Every structure is written in structure tokens, then in C-alpha cells.
Amino acid sequence: MQGKILANKYLTKLIIMRTKLLERSDSFLTLYQQWLILSKINTLEYLNTKLSDFYINDKSNLIEVFKSETQNVLKINLSDFDNSNNDFLLEFLKEKMIESKYFISLKDERIIENSEQMMAHRYYLKPEIEYLESLKINAFLKFGNLFLEHHFDVDQSYILITANYYSQKKYDSFDKLIEVLFKN
């Protein structure tokens, strides 16, 4: 496990971050399969309703979107959900991107310690270059490089979906990415 100490002149307290490889146990994978059968559809319907509310009414207490030329981020507050099931949603999103011809470049678990302990489970995914080349698309990079993250502690839980872009490349829209991820 790696450890980092994060500090700068603006911080008044020390933050310690430990990182290790994210590994899913057999029991997690079994429970995930049960979640797919029993809870996936209800979870996705609920989240799609909240996403629709956000895009139609431009407001939501659960959804935040940050957009720039180099990065788009969707934050979904999951505090209403049972925290033990939220990693299943992260796993589902990862699987959706693998189906969309992405591969896992990094998977890790971060423990961020300050006054409280925040955990983050993360996947960093990139589009499969061979797949893109087979389509004869030189400058088209699907949705960009993606971070799928689940952050949680005792008080909060949220999913972050981050698409990173490079200049002078072509990408599908961030809205299309969200549509792909949350499709039943």
C-alpha cells in the first residue's frame, strides 16, 4: 500500500492518503450478481428519473455537472441509497464501459484520512485503440479517457464520472456517455 501526505500552505491540517489495488472478492462478485438481478433496474430507473429532472429542470439535489474544454464531470449523490450497494453501481458502470470497448488502465482504492476517513474506489478506463482503428477512425476517441469513482464515508456517498479530453481530438458528447452508462 502506498501512502502520500498532501499538504500545502492553505491547509491547516495534514491529509494522509493511502492507495492500494482495488480487488473484488468472490463474495462481492456473488452479491453483485444478485444486485444485477434484484436491484439494478430499480436503481437505474431512479437515477434516470433524477438525471431527467436535472436536464429538464436544470436543478437537482442529487446531481451536479461540471463542464470544461478538457474535462466533464457528473457527480451523483447516493446518500439516499444503502451505502453497501453503491459499489455495485460502480461495478455496473465499469462493465458498461467494457461493453463499449474500453479497457481498465487502473483500478485502485484510496483511503483519505484527515479528521474523518473518506474512501474512494476508482477505475480509470481508456478506449481500445485496436477497436477504434478497426473502425478507421483516426482522431475519434469515443468518450475520452474516463474515471469512474465511488467516494464514501459514514455521512456521504457519491459517484463521480469524469471524461478527460485532449485538444484537437473528436469525442462523442458527454450526454451520450451518460445515456450509455445508465441504459437498462
Protein backbone atom coordinates (compact mmCIF):
# COMPACT_ATOMS: atom_id res chain seq x y z
CA MET A 1 0.00 0.00 0.00
CA GLN A 2 1.36 3.41 -0.95
CA GLY A 3 0.99 6.41 1.28
CA LYS A 4 1.08 10.10 0.38
CA ILE A 5 0.96 13.15 2.56
CA LEU A 6 -0.93 16.01 1.00
CA ALA A 7 -0.30 19.46 2.33
CA ASN A 8 0.10 22.99 1.08
CA LYS A 9 0.28 26.44 2.59
CA TYR A 10 -3.52 26.75 2.61
CA LEU A 11 -4.21 23.57 4.54
CA THR A 12 -4.34 23.79 8.28
CA LYS A 13 -4.30 20.06 8.85
CA LEU A 14 -2.46 17.15 7.37
CA ILE A 15 -4.22 14.79 4.97
CA ILE A 16 -2.83 11.30 4.56
CA MET A 17 -3.81 9.24 1.54
CA ARG A 18 -3.11 5.53 1.20
CA THR A 19 -3.60 3.73 -2.09
CA LYS A 20 -3.85 0.05 -2.92
CA LEU A 21 -5.04 -2.12 -5.78
CA LEU A 22 -8.84 -2.46 -5.90
CA GLU A 23 -9.67 -6.14 -5.73
CA ARG A 24 -13.16 -7.61 -5.73
CA SER A 25 -13.65 -10.69 -3.55
CA ASP A 26 -15.65 -13.72 -4.61
CA SER A 27 -18.34 -12.79 -2.08
CA PHE A 28 -18.54 -9.25 -3.56
CA LEU A 29 -18.91 -10.68 -7.06
CA THR A 30 -21.64 -13.07 -5.88
CA LEU A 31 -23.54 -10.22 -4.21
CA TYR A 32 -23.02 -8.09 -7.31
CA GLN A 33 -24.67 -10.79 -9.45
CA GLN A 34 -27.62 -10.78 -7.03
CA TRP A 35 -27.79 -6.98 -7.23
CA LEU A 36 -27.92 -7.19 -11.03
CA ILE A 37 -30.95 -9.47 -10.79
CA LEU A 38 -32.79 -7.88 -7.87
CA SER A 39 -31.92 -4.17 -7.72
CA LYS A 40 -30.25 -2.94 -10.91
CA ILE A 41 -33.44 -1.99 -12.75
CA ASN A 42 -34.93 -0.06 -9.80
CA THR A 43 -31.63 1.73 -9.19
CA LEU A 44 -31.26 2.72 -12.84
CA GLU A 45 -34.89 3.85 -13.10
CA TYR A 46 -34.48 6.02 -10.02
CA LEU A 47 -31.22 7.52 -11.28
CA ASN A 48 -32.64 8.08 -14.78
CA THR A 49 -35.57 9.95 -13.23
CA LYS A 50 -33.16 12.14 -11.27
CA LEU A 51 -30.99 12.70 -14.35
CA SER A 52 -34.06 13.65 -16.41
CA ASP A 53 -35.17 16.08 -13.69
CA PHE A 54 -31.72 17.62 -13.74
CA TYR A 55 -31.55 18.00 -17.52
CA ILE A 56 -35.16 19.19 -17.90
CA ASN A 57 -35.46 21.43 -14.84
CA ASP A 58 -31.76 22.28 -14.54
CA LYS A 59 -31.81 21.50 -10.83
CA SER A 60 -31.40 18.54 -8.54
CA ASN A 61 -30.19 17.96 -5.04
CA LEU A 62 -28.58 14.70 -6.21
CA ILE A 63 -26.89 15.67 -9.49
CA GLU A 64 -24.09 18.11 -10.30
CA VAL A 65 -22.39 18.58 -13.68
CA PHE A 66 -19.14 20.43 -14.32
CA LYS A 67 -18.08 21.03 -17.93
CA SER A 68 -14.94 22.46 -19.48
CA GLU A 69 -12.99 22.02 -22.72
CA THR A 70 -10.69 19.41 -21.19
CA GLN A 71 -12.97 17.63 -18.74
CA ASN A 72 -16.62 16.89 -17.97
CA VAL A 73 -17.72 15.60 -14.57
CA LEU A 74 -21.01 14.18 -13.36
CA LYS A 75 -21.44 13.84 -9.60
CA ILE A 76 -24.34 11.75 -8.31
CA ASN A 77 -25.11 11.96 -4.61
CA LEU A 78 -26.04 8.49 -3.37
CA SER A 79 -26.66 9.31 0.27
CA ASP A 80 -30.30 8.17 -0.14
CA PHE A 81 -29.11 4.69 -1.10
CA ASP A 82 -27.86 1.85 1.04
CA ASN A 83 -24.10 2.52 1.03
CA SER A 84 -23.29 -1.19 0.87
CA ASN A 85 -24.89 -1.38 -2.60
CA ASN A 86 -23.23 1.67 -4.14
CA ASP A 87 -20.08 -0.19 -5.15
CA PHE A 88 -22.34 -2.45 -7.21
CA LEU A 89 -23.39 0.61 -9.21
CA LEU A 90 -19.72 1.47 -9.78
CA GLU A 91 -19.07 -2.10 -10.92
CA PHE A 92 -22.05 -1.91 -13.28
CA LEU A 93 -20.82 1.36 -14.82
CA LYS A 94 -17.37 -0.18 -15.32
CA GLU A 95 -18.92 -3.19 -17.07
CA LYS A 96 -20.96 -0.90 -19.33
CA MET A 97 -17.76 0.80 -20.48
CA ILE A 98 -16.02 -2.52 -21.09
CA GLU A 99 -19.00 -3.46 -23.29
CA SER A 100 -18.40 -0.13 -25.08
CA LYS A 101 -14.85 -1.22 -26.00
CA TYR A 102 -12.97 0.36 -23.11
CA PHE A 103 -10.26 -1.33 -21.05
CA ILE A 104 -9.22 -0.82 -17.43
CA SER A 105 -5.95 1.06 -17.23
CA LEU A 106 -6.02 1.50 -13.44
CA LYS A 107 -8.15 0.32 -10.54
CA ASP A 108 -7.43 1.39 -7.01
CA GLU A 109 -8.81 2.02 -3.56
CA ARG A 110 -7.86 5.23 -1.81
CA ILE A 111 -8.20 5.93 1.86
CA ILE A 112 -8.03 9.62 2.63
CA GLU A 113 -7.51 10.38 6.29
CA ASN A 114 -7.93 13.72 7.99
CA SER A 115 -10.42 14.29 10.78
CA GLU A 116 -12.62 11.61 9.19
CA GLN A 117 -11.84 8.76 6.83
CA MET A 118 -13.05 9.01 3.22
CA MET A 119 -12.65 6.07 0.87
CA ALA A 120 -12.66 6.06 -2.92
CA HIS A 121 -12.89 3.10 -5.27
CA ARG A 122 -11.73 4.10 -8.75
CA TYR A 123 -11.47 2.76 -12.26
CA TYR A 124 -9.54 4.57 -14.99
CA LEU A 125 -10.65 3.39 -18.42
CA LYS A 126 -9.37 4.10 -21.92
CA PRO A 127 -10.87 3.29 -25.31
CA GLU A 128 -9.42 0.24 -27.04
CA ILE A 129 -7.19 1.61 -29.80
CA GLU A 130 -7.47 -1.59 -31.88
CA TYR A 131 -11.25 -1.21 -31.86
CA LEU A 132 -11.02 2.42 -32.96
CA GLU A 133 -8.53 1.57 -35.70
CA SER A 134 -10.81 -1.21 -36.96
CA LEU A 135 -13.47 1.44 -37.48
CA LYS A 136 -10.93 3.50 -39.47
CA ILE A 137 -11.43 6.43 -37.15
CA ASN A 138 -8.14 8.21 -36.59
CA ALA A 139 -9.00 11.18 -34.44
CA PHE A 140 -12.18 9.85 -32.81
CA LEU A 141 -11.68 8.72 -29.21
CA LYS A 142 -15.21 7.74 -28.15
CA PHE A 143 -15.90 9.49 -24.84
CA GLY A 144 -12.29 10.23 -23.91
CA ASN A 145 -10.39 8.68 -21.01
CA LEU A 146 -12.72 8.02 -18.09
CA PHE A 147 -12.54 7.93 -14.32
CA LEU A 148 -15.40 6.10 -12.61
CA GLU A 149 -15.23 6.67 -8.86
CA HIS A 150 -17.26 5.87 -5.76
CA HIS A 151 -16.40 8.12 -2.78
CA PHE A 152 -17.87 7.35 0.61
CA ASP A 153 -17.59 7.78 4.37
CA VAL A 154 -20.06 7.44 7.22
CA ASP A 155 -22.02 10.55 6.18
CA GLN A 156 -21.94 10.64 2.40
CA SER A 157 -21.66 8.58 -0.73
CA TYR A 158 -21.36 9.72 -4.33
CA ILE A 159 -20.35 8.55 -7.79
CA LEU A 160 -18.07 10.68 -9.95
CA ILE A 161 -17.90 10.13 -13.68
CA THR A 162 -15.10 12.12 -15.28
CA ALA A 163 -14.34 12.28 -19.00
CA ASN A 164 -10.93 13.74 -19.88
CA TYR A 165 -10.29 15.19 -23.32
CA TYR A 166 -7.23 16.11 -25.34
CA SER A 167 -7.23 19.08 -27.67
CA GLN A 168 -7.72 18.58 -31.41
CA LYS A 169 -9.43 15.20 -30.97
CA LYS A 170 -13.04 14.28 -31.63
CA TYR A 171 -15.30 12.75 -28.98
CA ASP A 172 -18.89 11.68 -28.57
CA SER A 173 -20.86 14.02 -26.33
CA PHE A 174 -20.78 13.72 -22.55
CA ASP A 175 -24.58 13.41 -22.62
CA LYS A 176 -24.24 10.37 -24.91
CA LEU A 177 -21.80 8.84 -22.38
CA ILE A 178 -24.35 9.30 -19.58
CA GLU A 179 -27.04 7.75 -21.78
CA VAL A 180 -24.82 4.70 -22.45
CA LEU A 181 -23.92 4.28 -18.78
CA PHE A 182 -27.44 4.43 -17.38
CA LYS A 183 -29.27 2.46 -20.05
CA ASN A 184 -31.14 -0.57 -18.65
